[in-house]
Amino acid sequence: MSTFEGGITSTPDPIDTETLLRRVIEVVGNAKTMPLSSSVLITKDEVLELLEDAVERLPDELRQARWMLKEREECLEKVKREGDEILDAARVRAERMVQRTEIVREAQQTAQRTVDEAREEARRLRHEAEDYCDQKLAAFEIVLERTTKTVQAGREKLRATPLPPSQTGELSFPGEGGIVDDVDDEAFFDQDNV
């Protein structure tokens, strides 16, 4: 333990470098001026001892400061890595969402196309069925018209030709007994000849 001028003692107590440097400033600031001069009188040994203590403590504080700086840089690096990972995860998720949106959009377009094609096919089949039915009905109408004309012609002949009474008192019909045999063969409709 050493005693300096002004009652300041240097002890191996844990005094930081800043305190030691402030003591040096105090010693220099409180130094007495030399008579007839602007120079001050300081005790060389006192100042040197304070500066040596400060220098000895300086490496520890520098080491602590470096360690804190390194720790801060590592923390910043870790935060940056975590931020990059979060951004990458967000990018991947956004891409998946875009892909899902695209898949949904494509599925909707495919479904709409399928529905449109099915409606078009149903419309076409309905028209074909209607055309087929119309053709069959037109052919049936022709057959009915011919049948109606044949029936009318046959009735006209029956009205025009009175039947002679038979000798037995019974009525005779065409084709029976040959009484009325002059019916025109063309007046009867034969469906096989159509």
N, C-alpha and C. Protein backbone atom coordinates (compact mmCIF):
# COMPACT_ATOMS: atom_id res chain seq x y z
N MET A 1 0.85 -1.16 0.00
CA MET A 1 0.00 0.00 0.00
C MET A 1 0.90 1.22 0.00
N SER A 2 0.63 2.17 -0.91
CA SER A 2 1.44 3.39 -0.96
C SER A 2 0.55 4.59 -0.78
N THR A 3 1.09 5.63 -0.16
CA THR A 3 0.33 6.84 0.11
C THR A 3 0.84 7.93 -0.81
N PHE A 4 -0.11 8.63 -1.42
CA PHE A 4 0.25 9.72 -2.33
C PHE A 4 -0.05 11.04 -1.67
N GLU A 5 0.49 12.11 -2.27
CA GLU A 5 0.26 13.45 -1.76
C GLU A 5 -1.22 13.75 -1.90
N GLY A 6 -1.81 14.32 -0.91
CA GLY A 6 -3.24 14.63 -0.95
C GLY A 6 -4.04 13.53 -0.31
N GLY A 7 -3.42 12.56 0.36
CA GLY A 7 -4.13 11.52 1.08
C GLY A 7 -4.69 10.42 0.20
N ILE A 8 -4.30 10.30 -1.04
CA ILE A 8 -4.81 9.26 -1.93
C ILE A 8 -3.91 8.06 -1.78
N THR A 9 -4.50 6.93 -1.51
CA THR A 9 -3.71 5.72 -1.35
C THR A 9 -4.02 4.74 -2.46
N SER A 10 -3.02 4.02 -2.84
CA SER A 10 -3.20 3.00 -3.87
C SER A 10 -3.24 1.65 -3.17
N THR A 11 -4.34 0.95 -3.35
CA THR A 11 -4.48 -0.36 -2.74
C THR A 11 -4.78 -1.36 -3.83
N PRO A 12 -4.56 -2.62 -3.56
CA PRO A 12 -4.87 -3.61 -4.57
C PRO A 12 -6.36 -3.88 -4.65
N ASP A 13 -7.19 -2.93 -4.14
CA ASP A 13 -8.65 -3.08 -4.24
C ASP A 13 -9.04 -3.10 -5.71
N PRO A 14 -10.17 -3.69 -5.97
CA PRO A 14 -10.62 -3.71 -7.37
C PRO A 14 -11.09 -2.34 -7.82
N ILE A 15 -10.16 -1.52 -8.20
CA ILE A 15 -10.48 -0.18 -8.70
C ILE A 15 -10.37 -0.26 -10.22
N ASP A 16 -11.34 0.34 -10.89
CA ASP A 16 -11.31 0.25 -12.36
C ASP A 16 -10.37 1.31 -12.94
N THR A 17 -10.05 1.13 -14.18
CA THR A 17 -9.09 2.00 -14.86
C THR A 17 -9.58 3.42 -14.92
N GLU A 18 -10.84 3.61 -15.11
CA GLU A 18 -11.39 4.97 -15.20
C GLU A 18 -11.15 5.73 -13.90
N THR A 19 -11.33 5.08 -12.75
CA THR A 19 -11.11 5.74 -11.46
C THR A 19 -9.65 6.14 -11.32
N LEU A 20 -8.73 5.24 -11.73
CA LEU A 20 -7.30 5.56 -11.65
C LEU A 20 -6.96 6.75 -12.54
N LEU A 21 -7.53 6.76 -13.75
CA LEU A 21 -7.24 7.88 -14.66
C LEU A 21 -7.82 9.19 -14.12
N ARG A 22 -8.95 9.12 -13.47
CA ARG A 22 -9.53 10.34 -12.86
C ARG A 22 -8.63 10.84 -11.72
N ARG A 23 -8.00 9.91 -11.00
CA ARG A 23 -7.08 10.32 -9.93
C ARG A 23 -5.86 11.04 -10.52
N VAL A 24 -5.38 10.53 -11.65
CA VAL A 24 -4.25 11.21 -12.32
C VAL A 24 -4.67 12.61 -12.70
N ILE A 25 -5.88 12.76 -13.27
CA ILE A 25 -6.37 14.09 -13.65
C ILE A 25 -6.47 14.97 -12.41
N GLU A 26 -6.91 14.41 -11.31
CA GLU A 26 -7.04 15.18 -10.06
C GLU A 26 -5.68 15.64 -9.54
N VAL A 27 -4.70 14.71 -9.60
CA VAL A 27 -3.34 15.04 -9.13
C VAL A 27 -2.77 16.17 -9.98
N VAL A 28 -2.94 16.05 -11.28
CA VAL A 28 -2.40 17.09 -12.18
C VAL A 28 -3.16 18.39 -11.97
N GLY A 29 -4.50 18.30 -11.78
CA GLY A 29 -5.30 19.51 -11.59
C GLY A 29 -5.02 20.20 -10.27
N ASN A 30 -4.68 19.45 -9.24
CA ASN A 30 -4.42 20.03 -7.91
C ASN A 30 -2.94 20.37 -7.70
N ALA A 31 -2.12 20.13 -8.68
CA ALA A 31 -0.68 20.38 -8.52
C ALA A 31 -0.43 21.86 -8.33
N LYS A 32 0.56 22.16 -7.48
CA LYS A 32 0.90 23.55 -7.16
C LYS A 32 1.77 24.10 -8.27
N THR A 33 1.53 25.36 -8.59
CA THR A 33 2.34 26.01 -9.62
C THR A 33 3.69 26.39 -9.02
N MET A 34 4.65 26.41 -9.87
CA MET A 34 5.99 26.81 -9.44
C MET A 34 6.05 28.33 -9.39
N PRO A 35 6.72 28.85 -8.43
CA PRO A 35 6.80 30.32 -8.34
C PRO A 35 7.45 30.91 -9.59
N LEU A 36 6.84 31.98 -10.02
CA LEU A 36 7.30 32.76 -11.18
C LEU A 36 7.30 31.92 -12.46
N SER A 37 6.36 30.97 -12.55
CA SER A 37 6.30 30.12 -13.75
C SER A 37 4.86 29.62 -13.92
N SER A 38 4.56 29.25 -15.09
CA SER A 38 3.23 28.68 -15.34
C SER A 38 3.26 27.16 -15.22
N SER A 39 4.40 26.59 -14.99
CA SER A 39 4.55 25.16 -14.84
C SER A 39 4.04 24.73 -13.48
N VAL A 40 3.61 23.48 -13.43
CA VAL A 40 3.11 22.95 -12.17
C VAL A 40 4.09 21.93 -11.65
N LEU A 41 4.01 21.72 -10.38
CA LEU A 41 4.89 20.78 -9.74
C LEU A 41 4.07 19.55 -9.36
N ILE A 42 4.39 18.45 -9.97
CA ILE A 42 3.70 17.21 -9.64
C ILE A 42 4.75 16.20 -9.22
N THR A 43 4.28 15.31 -8.41
CA THR A 43 5.17 14.26 -7.96
C THR A 43 5.17 13.19 -9.04
N LYS A 44 6.35 13.01 -9.58
CA LYS A 44 6.52 12.08 -10.69
C LYS A 44 6.13 10.66 -10.27
N ASP A 45 6.58 10.25 -9.13
CA ASP A 45 6.33 8.89 -8.67
C ASP A 45 4.84 8.62 -8.49
N GLU A 46 4.15 9.60 -7.97
CA GLU A 46 2.71 9.44 -7.72
C GLU A 46 1.96 9.23 -9.02
N VAL A 47 2.24 10.08 -10.00
CA VAL A 47 1.55 10.00 -11.29
C VAL A 47 1.92 8.69 -11.99
N LEU A 48 3.20 8.34 -11.95
CA LEU A 48 3.63 7.11 -12.62
C LEU A 48 2.97 5.88 -11.99
N GLU A 49 2.88 5.88 -10.68
CA GLU A 49 2.26 4.74 -10.02
C GLU A 49 0.80 4.61 -10.40
N LEU A 50 0.10 5.74 -10.43
CA LEU A 50 -1.32 5.70 -10.84
C LEU A 50 -1.45 5.22 -12.28
N LEU A 51 -0.61 5.71 -13.16
CA LEU A 51 -0.68 5.31 -14.56
C LEU A 51 -0.33 3.83 -14.73
N GLU A 52 0.65 3.33 -13.96
CA GLU A 52 1.02 1.93 -14.05
C GLU A 52 -0.13 1.03 -13.57
N ASP A 53 -0.80 1.44 -12.48
CA ASP A 53 -1.96 0.68 -12.01
C ASP A 53 -3.06 0.66 -13.08
N ALA A 54 -3.27 1.81 -13.70
CA ALA A 54 -4.30 1.90 -14.74
C ALA A 54 -3.94 0.98 -15.90
N VAL A 55 -2.66 0.95 -16.30
CA VAL A 55 -2.22 0.12 -17.41
C VAL A 55 -2.36 -1.35 -17.05
N GLU A 56 -2.04 -1.68 -15.79
CA GLU A 56 -2.18 -3.08 -15.38
C GLU A 56 -3.64 -3.53 -15.43
N ARG A 57 -4.50 -2.67 -15.04
CA ARG A 57 -5.92 -3.04 -15.05
C ARG A 57 -6.54 -2.96 -16.44
N LEU A 58 -5.90 -2.19 -17.29
CA LEU A 58 -6.43 -1.99 -18.63
C LEU A 58 -6.63 -3.29 -19.40
N PRO A 59 -5.71 -4.22 -19.41
CA PRO A 59 -5.92 -5.44 -20.17
C PRO A 59 -7.16 -6.22 -19.72
N ASP A 60 -7.42 -6.27 -18.41
CA ASP A 60 -8.62 -6.97 -17.94
C ASP A 60 -9.87 -6.30 -18.49
N GLU A 61 -9.90 -5.00 -18.38
CA GLU A 61 -11.08 -4.28 -18.87
C GLU A 61 -11.20 -4.38 -20.38
N LEU A 62 -10.03 -4.32 -21.05
CA LEU A 62 -10.08 -4.48 -22.51
C LEU A 62 -10.57 -5.88 -22.86
N ARG A 63 -10.09 -6.88 -22.10
CA ARG A 63 -10.53 -8.25 -22.34
C ARG A 63 -12.04 -8.36 -22.13
N GLN A 64 -12.50 -7.74 -21.04
CA GLN A 64 -13.95 -7.77 -20.78
C GLN A 64 -14.72 -7.05 -21.89
N ALA A 65 -14.19 -5.91 -22.32
CA ALA A 65 -14.85 -5.16 -23.39
C ALA A 65 -14.86 -5.96 -24.68
N ARG A 66 -13.70 -6.59 -24.98
CA ARG A 66 -13.63 -7.42 -26.19
C ARG A 66 -14.61 -8.58 -26.08
N TRP A 67 -14.64 -9.19 -24.89
CA TRP A 67 -15.55 -10.32 -24.68
C TRP A 67 -17.00 -9.86 -24.86
N MET A 68 -17.31 -8.67 -24.32
CA MET A 68 -18.68 -8.15 -24.48
C MET A 68 -18.97 -7.84 -25.94
N LEU A 69 -17.98 -7.27 -26.64
CA LEU A 69 -18.18 -6.99 -28.07
C LEU A 69 -18.37 -8.29 -28.85
N LYS A 70 -17.53 -9.30 -28.51
CA LYS A 70 -17.66 -10.58 -29.19
C LYS A 70 -19.02 -11.20 -28.90
N GLU A 71 -19.43 -11.14 -27.63
CA GLU A 71 -20.73 -11.68 -27.26
C GLU A 71 -21.85 -10.94 -27.99
N ARG A 72 -21.69 -9.62 -28.09
CA ARG A 72 -22.69 -8.82 -28.81
C ARG A 72 -22.74 -9.20 -30.29
N GLU A 73 -21.55 -9.39 -30.90
CA GLU A 73 -21.50 -9.78 -32.31
C GLU A 73 -22.12 -11.16 -32.51
N GLU A 74 -21.82 -12.09 -31.59
CA GLU A 74 -22.40 -13.43 -31.69
C GLU A 74 -23.92 -13.36 -31.55
N CYS A 75 -24.36 -12.52 -30.62
CA CYS A 75 -25.81 -12.35 -30.43
C CYS A 75 -26.45 -11.77 -31.69
N LEU A 76 -25.78 -10.75 -32.25
CA LEU A 76 -26.31 -10.15 -33.49
C LEU A 76 -26.31 -11.17 -34.63
N GLU A 77 -25.24 -11.98 -34.71
CA GLU A 77 -25.17 -13.00 -35.75
C GLU A 77 -26.28 -14.04 -35.58
N LYS A 78 -26.49 -14.43 -34.30
CA LYS A 78 -27.55 -15.40 -34.01
C LYS A 78 -28.91 -14.83 -34.39
N VAL A 79 -29.15 -13.57 -34.02
CA VAL A 79 -30.43 -12.93 -34.36
C VAL A 79 -30.58 -12.82 -35.88
N LYS A 80 -29.46 -12.51 -36.55
CA LYS A 80 -29.52 -12.41 -38.02
C LYS A 80 -29.85 -13.76 -38.64
N ARG A 81 -29.18 -14.85 -38.13
CA ARG A 81 -29.46 -16.19 -38.63
C ARG A 81 -30.93 -16.56 -38.41
N GLU A 82 -31.41 -16.27 -37.19
CA GLU A 82 -32.82 -16.58 -36.89
C GLU A 82 -33.75 -15.79 -37.80
N GLY A 83 -33.40 -14.52 -38.03
CA GLY A 83 -34.20 -13.70 -38.95
C GLY A 83 -34.20 -14.27 -40.36
N ASP A 84 -33.00 -14.70 -40.81
CA ASP A 84 -32.91 -15.31 -42.15
C ASP A 84 -33.73 -16.59 -42.24
N GLU A 85 -33.66 -17.40 -41.15
CA GLU A 85 -34.45 -18.64 -41.13
C GLU A 85 -35.94 -18.34 -41.18
N ILE A 86 -36.36 -17.33 -40.43
CA ILE A 86 -37.78 -16.94 -40.43
C ILE A 86 -38.19 -16.47 -41.82
N LEU A 87 -37.32 -15.67 -42.46
CA LEU A 87 -37.63 -15.19 -43.82
C LEU A 87 -37.69 -16.35 -44.81
N ASP A 88 -36.73 -17.29 -44.69
CA ASP A 88 -36.75 -18.46 -45.59
C ASP A 88 -38.01 -19.28 -45.39
N ALA A 89 -38.38 -19.50 -44.12
CA ALA A 89 -39.60 -20.26 -43.83
C ALA A 89 -40.82 -19.53 -44.40
N ALA A 90 -40.84 -18.21 -44.25
CA ALA A 90 -41.96 -17.43 -44.78
C ALA A 90 -42.01 -17.52 -46.30
N ARG A 91 -40.83 -17.48 -46.95
CA ARG A 91 -40.78 -17.61 -48.41
C ARG A 91 -41.32 -18.96 -48.86
N VAL A 92 -40.85 -20.03 -48.16
CA VAL A 92 -41.30 -21.38 -48.52
C VAL A 92 -42.80 -21.50 -48.34
N ARG A 93 -43.29 -20.96 -47.21
CA ARG A 93 -44.74 -21.03 -46.95
C ARG A 93 -45.52 -20.24 -48.01
N ALA A 94 -45.01 -19.07 -48.36
CA ALA A 94 -45.68 -18.27 -49.39
C ALA A 94 -45.69 -19.01 -50.73
N GLU A 95 -44.57 -19.66 -51.07
CA GLU A 95 -44.52 -20.42 -52.32
C GLU A 95 -45.52 -21.57 -52.29
N ARG A 96 -45.61 -22.26 -51.13
CA ARG A 96 -46.58 -23.35 -51.01
C ARG A 96 -48.00 -22.82 -51.18
N MET A 97 -48.26 -21.67 -50.57
CA MET A 97 -49.60 -21.10 -50.67
C MET A 97 -49.90 -20.72 -52.12
N VAL A 98 -48.91 -20.17 -52.80
CA VAL A 98 -49.09 -19.82 -54.22
C VAL A 98 -49.34 -21.08 -55.03
N GLN A 99 -48.55 -22.14 -54.75
CA GLN A 99 -48.75 -23.40 -55.47
C GLN A 99 -50.13 -23.96 -55.20
N ARG A 100 -50.55 -23.93 -53.93
CA ARG A 100 -51.89 -24.43 -53.62
C ARG A 100 -52.94 -23.60 -54.34
N THR A 101 -52.74 -22.29 -54.36
CA THR A 101 -53.68 -21.42 -55.05
C THR A 101 -53.72 -21.77 -56.54
N GLU A 102 -52.54 -22.00 -57.12
CA GLU A 102 -52.48 -22.38 -58.53
C GLU A 102 -53.17 -23.72 -58.77
N ILE A 103 -52.92 -24.68 -57.86
CA ILE A 103 -53.54 -26.01 -58.01
C ILE A 103 -55.06 -25.87 -57.92
N VAL A 104 -55.52 -25.08 -56.95
CA VAL A 104 -56.97 -24.88 -56.80
C VAL A 104 -57.53 -24.20 -58.05
N ARG A 105 -56.83 -23.19 -58.54
CA ARG A 105 -57.29 -22.48 -59.73
C ARG A 105 -57.36 -23.42 -60.94
N GLU A 106 -56.30 -24.24 -61.10
CA GLU A 106 -56.30 -25.20 -62.21
C GLU A 106 -57.41 -26.23 -62.05
N ALA A 107 -57.63 -26.70 -60.82
CA ALA A 107 -58.70 -27.67 -60.58
C ALA A 107 -60.06 -27.05 -60.89
N GLN A 108 -60.25 -25.79 -60.49
CA GLN A 108 -61.52 -25.12 -60.79
C GLN A 108 -61.70 -24.95 -62.28
N GLN A 109 -60.63 -24.59 -62.98
CA GLN A 109 -60.72 -24.44 -64.43
C GLN A 109 -61.03 -25.78 -65.10
N THR A 110 -60.36 -26.84 -64.63
CA THR A 110 -60.61 -28.18 -65.19
C THR A 110 -62.04 -28.61 -64.91
N ALA A 111 -62.51 -28.37 -63.69
CA ALA A 111 -63.88 -28.74 -63.35
C ALA A 111 -64.88 -27.96 -64.20
N GLN A 112 -64.63 -26.66 -64.39
CA GLN A 112 -65.53 -25.84 -65.21
C GLN A 112 -65.53 -26.33 -66.65
N ARG A 113 -64.32 -26.67 -67.16
CA ARG A 113 -64.22 -27.18 -68.52
C ARG A 113 -64.99 -28.49 -68.66
N THR A 114 -64.86 -29.37 -67.67
CA THR A 114 -65.55 -30.66 -67.70
C THR A 114 -67.06 -30.46 -67.67
N VAL A 115 -67.52 -29.55 -66.81
CA VAL A 115 -68.96 -29.27 -66.74
C VAL A 115 -69.46 -28.70 -68.06
N ASP A 116 -68.70 -27.76 -68.63
CA ASP A 116 -69.10 -27.17 -69.92
C ASP A 116 -69.15 -28.23 -71.02
N GLU A 117 -68.14 -29.11 -71.04
CA GLU A 117 -68.13 -30.17 -72.06
C GLU A 117 -69.31 -31.12 -71.86
N ALA A 118 -69.62 -31.46 -70.60
CA ALA A 118 -70.74 -32.36 -70.31
C ALA A 118 -72.06 -31.71 -70.74
N ARG A 119 -72.20 -30.42 -70.47
CA ARG A 119 -73.43 -29.72 -70.88
C ARG A 119 -73.55 -29.70 -72.40
N GLU A 120 -72.43 -29.44 -73.06
CA GLU A 120 -72.44 -29.40 -74.53
C GLU A 120 -72.79 -30.78 -75.09
N GLU A 121 -72.21 -31.84 -74.49
CA GLU A 121 -72.50 -33.20 -74.94
C GLU A 121 -73.97 -33.54 -74.70
N ALA A 122 -74.51 -33.14 -73.54
CA ALA A 122 -75.93 -33.40 -73.24
C ALA A 122 -76.82 -32.66 -74.24
N ARG A 123 -76.46 -31.42 -74.55
CA ARG A 123 -77.23 -30.63 -75.52
C ARG A 123 -77.21 -31.29 -76.89
N ARG A 124 -76.01 -31.77 -77.29
CA ARG A 124 -75.89 -32.43 -78.59
C ARG A 124 -76.72 -33.72 -78.62
N LEU A 125 -76.61 -34.52 -77.56
CA LEU A 125 -77.39 -35.77 -77.52
C LEU A 125 -78.89 -35.50 -77.51
N ARG A 126 -79.32 -34.45 -76.79
CA ARG A 126 -80.75 -34.12 -76.77
C ARG A 126 -81.23 -33.73 -78.17
N HIS A 127 -80.41 -32.92 -78.87
CA HIS A 127 -80.79 -32.53 -80.24
C HIS A 127 -80.84 -33.75 -81.17
N GLU A 128 -79.86 -34.65 -81.02
CA GLU A 128 -79.87 -35.85 -81.85
C GLU A 128 -81.10 -36.71 -81.54
N ALA A 129 -81.44 -36.84 -80.26
CA ALA A 129 -82.62 -37.63 -79.88
C ALA A 129 -83.89 -36.99 -80.42
N GLU A 130 -83.96 -35.66 -80.33
CA GLU A 130 -85.14 -34.96 -80.86
C GLU A 130 -85.23 -35.15 -82.37
N ASP A 131 -84.09 -35.04 -83.08
CA ASP A 131 -84.10 -35.25 -84.53
C ASP A 131 -84.52 -36.67 -84.88
N TYR A 132 -84.01 -37.66 -84.14
CA TYR A 132 -84.36 -39.05 -84.38
C TYR A 132 -85.86 -39.27 -84.17
N CYS A 133 -86.39 -38.74 -83.03
CA CYS A 133 -87.83 -38.89 -82.76
C CYS A 133 -88.66 -38.19 -83.83
N ASP A 134 -88.21 -37.02 -84.27
CA ASP A 134 -88.95 -36.28 -85.30
C ASP A 134 -88.98 -37.08 -86.60
N GLN A 135 -87.84 -37.68 -86.97
CA GLN A 135 -87.80 -38.50 -88.19
C GLN A 135 -88.74 -39.69 -88.09
N LYS A 136 -88.72 -40.39 -86.95
CA LYS A 136 -89.58 -41.55 -86.76
C LYS A 136 -91.06 -41.15 -86.76
N LEU A 137 -91.37 -40.03 -86.11
CA LEU A 137 -92.76 -39.56 -86.09
C LEU A 137 -93.22 -39.15 -87.50
N ALA A 138 -92.30 -38.53 -88.27
CA ALA A 138 -92.65 -38.14 -89.64
C ALA A 138 -92.94 -39.39 -90.48
N ALA A 139 -92.11 -40.43 -90.32
CA ALA A 139 -92.34 -41.67 -91.06
C ALA A 139 -93.66 -42.31 -90.61
N PHE A 140 -93.91 -42.31 -89.31
CA PHE A 140 -95.15 -42.87 -88.79
C PHE A 140 -96.35 -42.07 -89.30
N GLU A 141 -96.19 -40.74 -89.39
CA GLU A 141 -97.26 -39.89 -89.90
C GLU A 141 -97.59 -40.25 -91.34
N ILE A 142 -96.54 -40.50 -92.15
CA ILE A 142 -96.75 -40.89 -93.56
C ILE A 142 -97.51 -42.22 -93.61
N VAL A 143 -97.08 -43.18 -92.77
CA VAL A 143 -97.75 -44.48 -92.74
C VAL A 143 -99.21 -44.30 -92.33
N LEU A 144 -99.47 -43.46 -91.31
CA LEU A 144 -100.84 -43.22 -90.86
C LEU A 144 -101.68 -42.55 -91.95
N GLU A 145 -101.09 -41.60 -92.67
CA GLU A 145 -101.82 -40.93 -93.75
C GLU A 145 -102.20 -41.94 -94.84
N ARG A 146 -101.25 -42.80 -95.20
CA ARG A 146 -101.55 -43.82 -96.22
C ARG A 146 -102.64 -44.78 -95.72
N THR A 147 -102.52 -45.17 -94.44
CA THR A 147 -103.52 -46.08 -93.86
C THR A 147 -104.88 -45.40 -93.85
N THR A 148 -104.90 -44.13 -93.46
CA THR A 148 -106.16 -43.39 -93.43
C THR A 148 -106.76 -43.30 -94.83
N LYS A 149 -105.93 -43.02 -95.84
CA LYS A 149 -106.42 -42.93 -97.22
C LYS A 149 -106.97 -44.29 -97.67
N THR A 150 -106.27 -45.36 -97.32
CA THR A 150 -106.73 -46.70 -97.70
C THR A 150 -108.06 -47.02 -97.04
N VAL A 151 -108.15 -46.68 -95.74
CA VAL A 151 -109.41 -46.93 -95.02
C VAL A 151 -110.53 -46.11 -95.64
N GLN A 152 -110.26 -44.85 -95.96
CA GLN A 152 -111.28 -44.00 -96.56
C GLN A 152 -111.70 -44.54 -97.94
N ALA A 153 -110.70 -44.96 -98.70
CA ALA A 153 -111.03 -45.52 -100.04
C ALA A 153 -111.87 -46.77 -99.90
N GLY A 154 -111.51 -47.62 -98.94
CA GLY A 154 -112.29 -48.84 -98.73
C GLY A 154 -113.71 -48.52 -98.28
N ARG A 155 -113.89 -47.55 -97.44
CA ARG A 155 -115.23 -47.18 -96.98
C ARG A 155 -116.04 -46.57 -98.12
N GLU A 156 -115.34 -45.78 -98.95
CA GLU A 156 -116.03 -45.20 -100.10
C GLU A 156 -116.57 -46.30 -101.03
N LYS A 157 -115.78 -47.31 -101.28
CA LYS A 157 -116.21 -48.41 -102.12
C LYS A 157 -117.38 -49.15 -101.50
N LEU A 158 -117.28 -49.31 -100.18
CA LEU A 158 -118.37 -50.01 -99.51
C LEU A 158 -119.67 -49.20 -99.61
N ARG A 159 -119.60 -47.92 -99.54
CA ARG A 159 -120.80 -47.09 -99.64
C ARG A 159 -121.32 -47.06 -101.07
N ALA A 160 -120.44 -47.10 -102.00
CA ALA A 160 -120.86 -47.00 -103.40
C ALA A 160 -121.47 -48.30 -103.93
N THR A 161 -121.08 -49.40 -103.44
CA THR A 161 -121.57 -50.68 -103.93
C THR A 161 -122.52 -51.27 -102.89
N PRO A 162 -123.86 -51.34 -103.25
CA PRO A 162 -124.78 -51.97 -102.31
C PRO A 162 -124.64 -53.47 -102.39
N LEU A 163 -124.82 -54.09 -101.29
CA LEU A 163 -124.71 -55.53 -101.23
C LEU A 163 -126.06 -56.17 -101.62
N PRO A 164 -126.01 -57.15 -102.55
CA PRO A 164 -127.28 -57.84 -102.88
C PRO A 164 -127.64 -58.79 -101.75
N PRO A 165 -128.90 -58.93 -101.48
CA PRO A 165 -129.29 -59.86 -100.43
C PRO A 165 -128.97 -61.27 -100.87
N SER A 166 -128.60 -62.06 -99.98
CA SER A 166 -128.28 -63.45 -100.31
C SER A 166 -129.54 -64.26 -100.36
N GLN A 167 -129.47 -65.37 -100.98
CA GLN A 167 -130.65 -66.21 -101.15
C GLN A 167 -131.08 -66.82 -99.84
N THR A 168 -130.18 -66.97 -98.96
CA THR A 168 -130.56 -67.56 -97.69
C THR A 168 -131.03 -66.51 -96.72
N GLY A 169 -131.01 -65.28 -97.09
CA GLY A 169 -131.45 -64.19 -96.23
C GLY A 169 -130.34 -63.65 -95.36
N GLU A 170 -129.18 -64.18 -95.54
CA GLU A 170 -128.06 -63.69 -94.74
C GLU A 170 -127.30 -62.65 -95.54
N LEU A 171 -126.68 -61.78 -94.81
CA LEU A 171 -125.84 -60.77 -95.46
C LEU A 171 -124.52 -61.40 -95.85
N SER A 172 -124.02 -60.98 -96.98
CA SER A 172 -122.76 -61.53 -97.44
C SER A 172 -121.72 -60.42 -97.40
N PHE A 173 -120.54 -60.72 -96.95
CA PHE A 173 -119.45 -59.73 -96.86
C PHE A 173 -118.41 -60.00 -97.91
N PRO A 174 -117.66 -59.00 -98.28
CA PRO A 174 -116.63 -59.21 -99.28
C PRO A 174 -115.67 -60.29 -98.83
N GLY A 175 -115.29 -61.13 -99.76
CA GLY A 175 -114.38 -62.21 -99.47
C GLY A 175 -115.10 -63.48 -99.08
N GLU A 176 -116.39 -63.38 -98.77
CA GLU A 176 -117.16 -64.58 -98.40
C GLU A 176 -118.01 -64.97 -99.58
N GLY A 177 -117.78 -66.06 -100.02
CA GLY A 177 -118.62 -66.59 -101.10
C GLY A 177 -118.39 -65.90 -102.41
N GLY A 178 -117.48 -64.96 -102.50
CA GLY A 178 -117.11 -64.33 -103.75
C GLY A 178 -118.12 -63.39 -104.30
N ILE A 179 -119.08 -62.84 -103.51
CA ILE A 179 -120.11 -61.96 -104.05
C ILE A 179 -119.50 -60.63 -104.44
N VAL A 180 -118.79 -60.01 -103.52
CA VAL A 180 -118.14 -58.74 -103.86
C VAL A 180 -116.65 -59.05 -103.92
N ASP A 181 -116.17 -59.21 -105.13
CA ASP A 181 -114.77 -59.59 -105.26
C ASP A 181 -114.01 -58.58 -106.11
N ASP A 182 -114.66 -57.48 -106.45
CA ASP A 182 -114.01 -56.53 -107.34
C ASP A 182 -113.31 -55.40 -106.59
N VAL A 183 -112.94 -55.60 -105.29
CA VAL A 183 -112.25 -54.56 -104.51
C VAL A 183 -110.83 -54.43 -105.06
N ASP A 184 -110.42 -53.21 -105.31
CA ASP A 184 -109.10 -52.93 -105.87
C ASP A 184 -108.02 -53.30 -104.86
N ASP A 185 -107.05 -54.11 -105.31
CA ASP A 185 -105.96 -54.53 -104.43
C ASP A 185 -105.10 -53.35 -103.99
N GLU A 186 -105.03 -52.31 -104.81
CA GLU A 186 -104.20 -51.17 -104.45
C GLU A 186 -104.82 -50.34 -103.33
N ALA A 187 -106.11 -50.48 -103.10
CA ALA A 187 -106.78 -49.69 -102.06
C ALA A 187 -106.39 -50.16 -100.70
N PHE A 188 -105.97 -51.41 -100.56
CA PHE A 188 -105.56 -51.94 -99.25
C PHE A 188 -104.08 -51.60 -99.02
N PHE A 189 -103.82 -51.25 -97.80
CA PHE A 189 -102.44 -50.88 -97.45
C PHE A 189 -101.69 -52.08 -97.00
N ASP A 190 -100.53 -52.27 -97.61
CA ASP A 190 -99.66 -53.34 -97.19
C ASP A 190 -98.41 -52.70 -96.60
N GLN A 191 -98.24 -52.86 -95.30
CA GLN A 191 -97.14 -52.19 -94.60
C GLN A 191 -95.78 -52.67 -95.09
N ASP A 192 -95.68 -53.87 -95.56
CA ASP A 192 -94.41 -54.38 -96.03
C ASP A 192 -93.96 -53.69 -97.31
N ASN A 193 -94.89 -53.12 -98.06
CA ASN A 193 -94.54 -52.47 -99.33
C ASN A 193 -94.16 -50.99 -99.15
N VAL A 194 -94.19 -50.50 -97.94
CA VAL A 194 -93.89 -49.08 -97.72
C VAL A 194 -92.40 -48.86 -97.83
